[in-house]
Every structure is written in structure tokens, then in C-alpha cells.
Amino acid sequence: DPYSRLQRLFQQEAIRRGGTVQIQRGQPLA
């Protein structure tokens, strides 16, 4: 599940840098 992995690692890195990120999934644009 590469999307979940990306989301988890992105949020963990944001917390490590003192912030938080709320991630929402969207469809690719044309």
C-alpha cells in the first residue's frame, strides 16, 4: 500500500520537524 506508506512517512517527518500535516487523497489531474 504505497499511498499509506507515503502518508505515514510524510506525517512522521513533519512531526519530527515540529509541524503537522493533514493529508487528503485526490484523483490525478488530467
All heavy atoms as atom14 arrays in JSON, in Angstrom:
{
  "sequence": "DPYSRLQRLFQQEAIRRGGTVQIQRGQPLA",
  "atom14_mask": [
    [1, 1, 1, 1, 1, 1, 1, 1, 0, 0, 0, 0, 0, 0],
    [1, 1, 1, 1, 1, 1, 1, 0, 0, 0, 0, 0, 0, 0],
    [1, 1, 1, 1, 1, 1, 1, 1, 1, 1, 1, 1, 0, 0],
    [1, 1, 1, 1, 1, 1, 0, 0, 0, 0, 0, 0, 0, 0],
    [1, 1, 1, 1, 1, 1, 1, 1, 1, 1, 1, 0, 0, 0],
    [1, 1, 1, 1, 1, 1, 1, 1, 0, 0, 0, 0, 0, 0],
    [1, 1, 1, 1, 1, 1, 1, 1, 1, 0, 0, 0, 0, 0],
    [1, 1, 1, 1, 1, 1, 1, 1, 1, 1, 1, 0, 0, 0],
    [1, 1, 1, 1, 1, 1, 1, 1, 0, 0, 0, 0, 0, 0],
    [1, 1, 1, 1, 1, 1, 1, 1, 1, 1, 1, 0, 0, 0],
    [1, 1, 1, 1, 1, 1, 1, 1, 1, 0, 0, 0, 0, 0],
    [1, 1, 1, 1, 1, 1, 1, 1, 1, 0, 0, 0, 0, 0],
    [1, 1, 1, 1, 1, 1, 1, 1, 1, 0, 0, 0, 0, 0],
    [1, 1, 1, 1, 1, 0, 0, 0, 0, 0, 0, 0, 0, 0],
    [1, 1, 1, 1, 1, 1, 1, 1, 0, 0, 0, 0, 0, 0],
    [1, 1, 1, 1, 1, 1, 1, 1, 1, 1, 1, 0, 0, 0],
    [1, 1, 1, 1, 1, 1, 1, 1, 1, 1, 1, 0, 0, 0],
    [1, 1, 1, 1, 0, 0, 0, 0, 0, 0, 0, 0, 0, 0],
    [1, 1, 1, 1, 0, 0, 0, 0, 0, 0, 0, 0, 0, 0],
    [1, 1, 1, 1, 1, 1, 1, 0, 0, 0, 0, 0, 0, 0],
    [1, 1, 1, 1, 1, 1, 1, 0, 0, 0, 0, 0, 0, 0],
    [1, 1, 1, 1, 1, 1, 1, 1, 1, 0, 0, 0, 0, 0],
    [1, 1, 1, 1, 1, 1, 1, 1, 0, 0, 0, 0, 0, 0],
    [1, 1, 1, 1, 1, 1, 1, 1, 1, 0, 0, 0, 0, 0],
    [1, 1, 1, 1, 1, 1, 1, 1, 1, 1, 1, 0, 0, 0],
    [1, 1, 1, 1, 0, 0, 0, 0, 0, 0, 0, 0, 0, 0],
    [1, 1, 1, 1, 1, 1, 1, 1, 1, 0, 0, 0, 0, 0],
    [1, 1, 1, 1, 1, 1, 1, 0, 0, 0, 0, 0, 0, 0],
    [1, 1, 1, 1, 1, 1, 1, 1, 0, 0, 0, 0, 0, 0],
    [1, 1, 1, 1, 1, 0, 0, 0, 0, 0, 0, 0, 0, 0]
  ],
  "atom14_positions": [
    [[0.85, -1.19, 0.0], [0.0, 0.0, 0.0], [0.89, 1.24, 0.0], [1.13, 1.85, 1.04], [-0.92, 0.01, 1.23], [-2.01, 1.09, 1.14], [-1.86, 2.02, 0.33], [-2.99, 1.0, 1.9], [0.0, 0.0, 0.0], [0.0, 0.0, 0.0], [0.0, 0.0, 0.0], [0.0, 0.0, 0.0], [0.0, 0.0, 0.0], [0.0, 0.0, 0.0]],
    [[1.4, 1.62, -1.17], [2.35, 2.74, -1.23], [1.76, 4.07, -0.8], [2.48, 4.91, -0.25], [2.78, 2.77, -2.7], [1.71, 2.03, -3.43], [1.18, 1.01, -2.49], [0.0, 0.0, 0.0], [0.0, 0.0, 0.0], [0.0, 0.0, 0.0], [0.0, 0.0, 0.0], [0.0, 0.0, 0.0], [0.0, 0.0, 0.0], [0.0, 0.0, 0.0]],
    [[0.46, 4.29, -1.02], [-0.14, 5.56, -0.59], [-0.09, 5.68, 0.93], [0.3, 6.73, 1.46], [-1.57, 5.67, -1.09], [-2.29, 6.88, -0.5], [-2.03, 8.15, -0.99], [-3.17, 6.74, 0.57], [-2.66, 9.27, -0.44], [-3.78, 7.84, 1.13], [-3.53, 9.1, 0.61], [-4.14, 10.21, 1.17], [0.0, 0.0, 0.0], [0.0, 0.0, 0.0]],
    [[-0.47, 4.64, 1.65], [-0.45, 4.68, 3.11], [0.97, 4.87, 3.63], [1.19, 5.58, 4.62], [-1.06, 3.4, 3.69], [-2.43, 3.31, 3.37], [0.0, 0.0, 0.0], [0.0, 0.0, 0.0], [0.0, 0.0, 0.0], [0.0, 0.0, 0.0], [0.0, 0.0, 0.0], [0.0, 0.0, 0.0], [0.0, 0.0, 0.0], [0.0, 0.0, 0.0]],
    [[1.93, 4.23, 2.97], [3.32, 4.4, 3.39], [3.77, 5.84, 3.21], [4.39, 6.44, 4.1], [4.21, 3.47, 2.57], [5.7, 3.6, 2.9], [6.53, 2.86, 1.88], [7.95, 2.96, 2.17], [8.9, 3.0, 1.25], [8.57, 2.94, -0.05], [10.18, 3.09, 1.57], [0.0, 0.0, 0.0], [0.0, 0.0, 0.0], [0.0, 0.0, 0.0]],
    [[3.46, 6.43, 2.05], [3.82, 7.83, 1.81], [3.17, 8.74, 2.85], [3.83, 9.63, 3.41], [3.38, 8.23, 0.41], [3.6, 9.71, 0.04], [5.07, 9.96, -0.25], [2.75, 10.1, -1.17], [0.0, 0.0, 0.0], [0.0, 0.0, 0.0], [0.0, 0.0, 0.0], [0.0, 0.0, 0.0], [0.0, 0.0, 0.0], [0.0, 0.0, 0.0]],
    [[1.91, 8.53, 3.11], [1.19, 9.35, 4.1], [1.84, 9.25, 5.47], [2.09, 10.26, 6.14], [-0.27, 8.91, 4.15], [-1.13, 9.72, 5.12], [-2.54, 9.15, 5.21], [-2.72, 7.94, 5.38], [-3.54, 10.01, 5.08], [0.0, 0.0, 0.0], [0.0, 0.0, 0.0], [0.0, 0.0, 0.0], [0.0, 0.0, 0.0], [0.0, 0.0, 0.0]],
    [[2.13, 8.02, 5.89], [2.72, 7.81, 7.22], [4.1, 8.47, 7.33], [4.38, 9.18, 8.31], [2.84, 6.31, 7.48], [3.4, 5.98, 8.87], [3.49, 4.48, 9.1], [4.54, 3.85, 8.3], [4.34, 3.15, 7.2], [3.12, 2.97, 6.74], [5.35, 2.63, 6.54], [0.0, 0.0, 0.0], [0.0, 0.0, 0.0], [0.0, 0.0, 0.0]],
    [[4.96, 8.25, 6.34], [6.3, 8.81, 6.4], [6.29, 10.33, 6.31], [7.1, 11.01, 6.95], [7.16, 8.21, 5.29], [7.46, 6.71, 5.4], [8.27, 6.23, 4.2], [8.22, 6.41, 6.69], [0.0, 0.0, 0.0], [0.0, 0.0, 0.0], [0.0, 0.0, 0.0], [0.0, 0.0, 0.0], [0.0, 0.0, 0.0], [0.0, 0.0, 0.0]],
    [[5.38, 10.87, 5.51], [5.27, 12.33, 5.38], [4.88, 12.94, 6.72], [5.48, 13.93, 7.18], [4.23, 12.67, 4.31], [4.41, 14.01, 3.67], [4.95, 14.14, 2.4], [4.04, 15.18, 4.34], [5.11, 15.39, 1.8], [4.19, 16.43, 3.76], [4.74, 16.54, 2.48], [0.0, 0.0, 0.0], [0.0, 0.0, 0.0], [0.0, 0.0, 0.0]],
    [[3.87, 12.36, 7.36], [3.41, 12.89, 8.65], [4.46, 12.73, 9.74], [4.65, 13.62, 10.57], [2.09, 12.22, 9.03], [0.93, 12.63, 8.14], [-0.34, 11.84, 8.4], [-0.29, 10.69, 8.82], [-1.49, 12.45, 8.12], [0.0, 0.0, 0.0], [0.0, 0.0, 0.0], [0.0, 0.0, 0.0], [0.0, 0.0, 0.0], [0.0, 0.0, 0.0]],
    [[5.16, 11.6, 9.75], [6.21, 11.39, 10.75], [7.33, 12.42, 10.59], [7.84, 12.94, 11.58], [6.77, 9.97, 10.61], [5.84, 8.88, 11.09], [6.4, 7.48, 10.86], [7.42, 7.31, 10.19], [5.73, 6.48, 11.41], [0.0, 0.0, 0.0], [0.0, 0.0, 0.0], [0.0, 0.0, 0.0], [0.0, 0.0, 0.0], [0.0, 0.0, 0.0]],
    [[7.7, 12.69, 9.36], [8.76, 13.68, 9.12], [8.3, 15.08, 9.52], [9.09, 15.87, 10.06], [9.18, 13.64, 7.65], [10.29, 14.6, 7.28], [11.6, 14.31, 7.98], [11.78, 13.18, 8.49], [12.46, 15.23, 8.02], [0.0, 0.0, 0.0], [0.0, 0.0, 0.0], [0.0, 0.0, 0.0], [0.0, 0.0, 0.0], [0.0, 0.0, 0.0]],
    [[7.02, 15.4, 9.26], [6.51, 16.71, 9.67], [6.55, 16.86, 11.19], [6.96, 17.91, 11.7], [5.07, 16.87, 9.16], [0.0, 0.0, 0.0], [0.0, 0.0, 0.0], [0.0, 0.0, 0.0], [0.0, 0.0, 0.0], [0.0, 0.0, 0.0], [0.0, 0.0, 0.0], [0.0, 0.0, 0.0], [0.0, 0.0, 0.0], [0.0, 0.0, 0.0]],
    [[6.15, 15.82, 11.92], [6.19, 15.87, 13.39], [7.63, 16.04, 13.86], [7.92, 16.81, 14.8], [5.56, 14.6, 13.98], [4.05, 14.59, 13.69], [5.82, 14.49, 15.47], [3.37, 13.29, 14.04], [0.0, 0.0, 0.0], [0.0, 0.0, 0.0], [0.0, 0.0, 0.0], [0.0, 0.0, 0.0], [0.0, 0.0, 0.0], [0.0, 0.0, 0.0]],
    [[8.57, 15.33, 13.22], [9.97, 15.44, 13.61], [10.5, 16.86, 13.44], [11.38, 17.31, 14.18], [10.81, 14.47, 12.77], [12.25, 14.3, 13.24], [12.97, 13.28, 12.39], [13.31, 13.79, 11.08], [14.41, 14.49, 10.81], [15.26, 14.81, 11.78], [14.65, 14.89, 9.58], [0.0, 0.0, 0.0], [0.0, 0.0, 0.0], [0.0, 0.0, 0.0]],
    [[9.9, 17.59, 12.5], [10.34, 18.96, 12.24], [9.47, 19.98, 12.97], [9.57, 21.17, 12.71], [10.33, 19.24, 10.74], [11.39, 18.44, 9.99], [11.43, 18.78, 8.52], [12.49, 18.06, 7.84], [13.77, 18.44, 7.78], [14.14, 19.56, 8.39], [14.67, 17.72, 7.14], [0.0, 0.0, 0.0], [0.0, 0.0, 0.0], [0.0, 0.0, 0.0]],
    [[8.61, 19.51, 13.86], [7.85, 20.42, 14.7], [6.54, 20.9, 14.12], [5.98, 21.89, 14.6], [0.0, 0.0, 0.0], [0.0, 0.0, 0.0], [0.0, 0.0, 0.0], [0.0, 0.0, 0.0], [0.0, 0.0, 0.0], [0.0, 0.0, 0.0], [0.0, 0.0, 0.0], [0.0, 0.0, 0.0], [0.0, 0.0, 0.0], [0.0, 0.0, 0.0]],
    [[6.02, 20.24, 13.1], [4.75, 20.63, 12.5], [3.84, 19.44, 12.33], [4.18, 18.31, 12.71], [0.0, 0.0, 0.0], [0.0, 0.0, 0.0], [0.0, 0.0, 0.0], [0.0, 0.0, 0.0], [0.0, 0.0, 0.0], [0.0, 0.0, 0.0], [0.0, 0.0, 0.0], [0.0, 0.0, 0.0], [0.0, 0.0, 0.0], [0.0, 0.0, 0.0]],
    [[2.69, 19.66, 11.78], [1.76, 18.58, 11.45], [1.19, 18.81, 10.06], [1.06, 19.96, 9.61], [0.59, 18.49, 12.45], [-0.11, 19.74, 12.46], [1.1, 18.16, 13.85], [0.0, 0.0, 0.0], [0.0, 0.0, 0.0], [0.0, 0.0, 0.0], [0.0, 0.0, 0.0], [0.0, 0.0, 0.0], [0.0, 0.0, 0.0], [0.0, 0.0, 0.0]],
    [[0.86, 17.7, 9.39], [0.31, 17.77, 8.05], [-0.93, 16.89, 7.99], [-0.88, 15.72, 8.37], [1.33, 17.31, 6.99], [0.69, 17.32, 5.6], [2.56, 18.2, 6.99], [0.0, 0.0, 0.0], [0.0, 0.0, 0.0], [0.0, 0.0, 0.0], [0.0, 0.0, 0.0], [0.0, 0.0, 0.0], [0.0, 0.0, 0.0], [0.0, 0.0, 0.0]],
    [[-2.02, 17.47, 7.55], [-3.23, 16.69, 7.29], [-3.27, 16.36, 5.8], [-3.29, 17.26, 4.97], [-4.48, 17.49, 7.68], [-4.59, 17.78, 9.17], [-5.88, 18.52, 9.51], [-6.83, 18.51, 8.72], [-5.9, 19.15, 10.66], [0.0, 0.0, 0.0], [0.0, 0.0, 0.0], [0.0, 0.0, 0.0], [0.0, 0.0, 0.0], [0.0, 0.0, 0.0]],
    [[-3.26, 15.05, 5.5], [-3.18, 14.62, 4.11], [-4.53, 14.08, 3.65], [-5.16, 13.26, 4.31], [-2.09, 13.54, 3.94], [-0.72, 14.14, 4.28], [-2.09, 12.98, 2.52], [0.43, 13.16, 4.18], [0.0, 0.0, 0.0], [0.0, 0.0, 0.0], [0.0, 0.0, 0.0], [0.0, 0.0, 0.0], [0.0, 0.0, 0.0], [0.0, 0.0, 0.0]],
    [[-4.95, 14.57, 2.5], [-6.18, 14.1, 1.86], [-5.82, 13.53, 0.51], [-4.97, 14.07, -0.21], [-7.18, 15.25, 1.7], [-8.48, 14.85, 1.04], [-9.41, 16.04, 0.86], [-9.09, 17.15, 1.26], [-10.56, 15.81, 0.23], [0.0, 0.0, 0.0], [0.0, 0.0, 0.0], [0.0, 0.0, 0.0], [0.0, 0.0, 0.0], [0.0, 0.0, 0.0]],
    [[-6.46, 12.44, 0.14], [-6.17, 11.8, -1.13], [-7.07, 12.36, -2.22], [-8.27, 12.57, -2.0], [-6.37, 10.29, -1.02], [-5.99, 9.53, -2.28], [-6.01, 8.05, -2.01], [-5.64, 7.29, -3.18], [-5.41, 5.98, -3.16], [-5.52, 5.31, -2.03], [-5.09, 5.35, -4.27], [0.0, 0.0, 0.0], [0.0, 0.0, 0.0], [0.0, 0.0, 0.0]],
    [[-6.5, 12.6, -3.4], [-7.27, 13.09, -4.53], [-6.91, 12.35, -5.8], [-5.86, 11.71, -5.89], [0.0, 0.0, 0.0], [0.0, 0.0, 0.0], [0.0, 0.0, 0.0], [0.0, 0.0, 0.0], [0.0, 0.0, 0.0], [0.0, 0.0, 0.0], [0.0, 0.0, 0.0], [0.0, 0.0, 0.0], [0.0, 0.0, 0.0], [0.0, 0.0, 0.0]],
    [[-7.77, 12.45, -6.8], [-7.52, 11.82, -8.08], [-6.51, 12.66, -8.87], [-6.48, 13.89, -8.78], [-8.82, 11.7, -8.88], [-9.83, 10.75, -8.26], [-9.33, 9.32, -8.25], [-8.73, 8.85, -9.2], [-9.58, 8.63, -7.15], [0.0, 0.0, 0.0], [0.0, 0.0, 0.0], [0.0, 0.0, 0.0], [0.0, 0.0, 0.0], [0.0, 0.0, 0.0]],
    [[-5.65, 12.01, -9.66], [-4.72, 12.76, -10.51], [-5.47, 13.66, -11.48], [-6.58, 13.34, -11.91], [-3.96, 11.66, -11.25], [-4.11, 10.45, -10.4], [-5.47, 10.57, -9.77], [0.0, 0.0, 0.0], [0.0, 0.0, 0.0], [0.0, 0.0, 0.0], [0.0, 0.0, 0.0], [0.0, 0.0, 0.0], [0.0, 0.0, 0.0], [0.0, 0.0, 0.0]],
    [[-4.87, 14.79, -11.8], [-5.47, 15.73, -12.73], [-5.12, 15.36, -14.16], [-4.07, 14.77, -14.42], [-5.01, 17.15, -12.42], [-5.35, 17.68, -11.02], [-4.7, 19.04, -10.82], [-6.86, 17.76, -10.84], [0.0, 0.0, 0.0], [0.0, 0.0, 0.0], [0.0, 0.0, 0.0], [0.0, 0.0, 0.0], [0.0, 0.0, 0.0], [0.0, 0.0, 0.0]],
    [[-5.98, 15.73, -15.08], [-5.73, 15.44, -16.49], [-4.65, 16.36, -17.06], [-4.04, 16.04, -18.06], [-7.02, 15.6, -17.29], [0.0, 0.0, 0.0], [0.0, 0.0, 0.0], [0.0, 0.0, 0.0], [0.0, 0.0, 0.0], [0.0, 0.0, 0.0], [0.0, 0.0, 0.0], [0.0, 0.0, 0.0], [0.0, 0.0, 0.0], [0.0, 0.0, 0.0]]
  ]
}
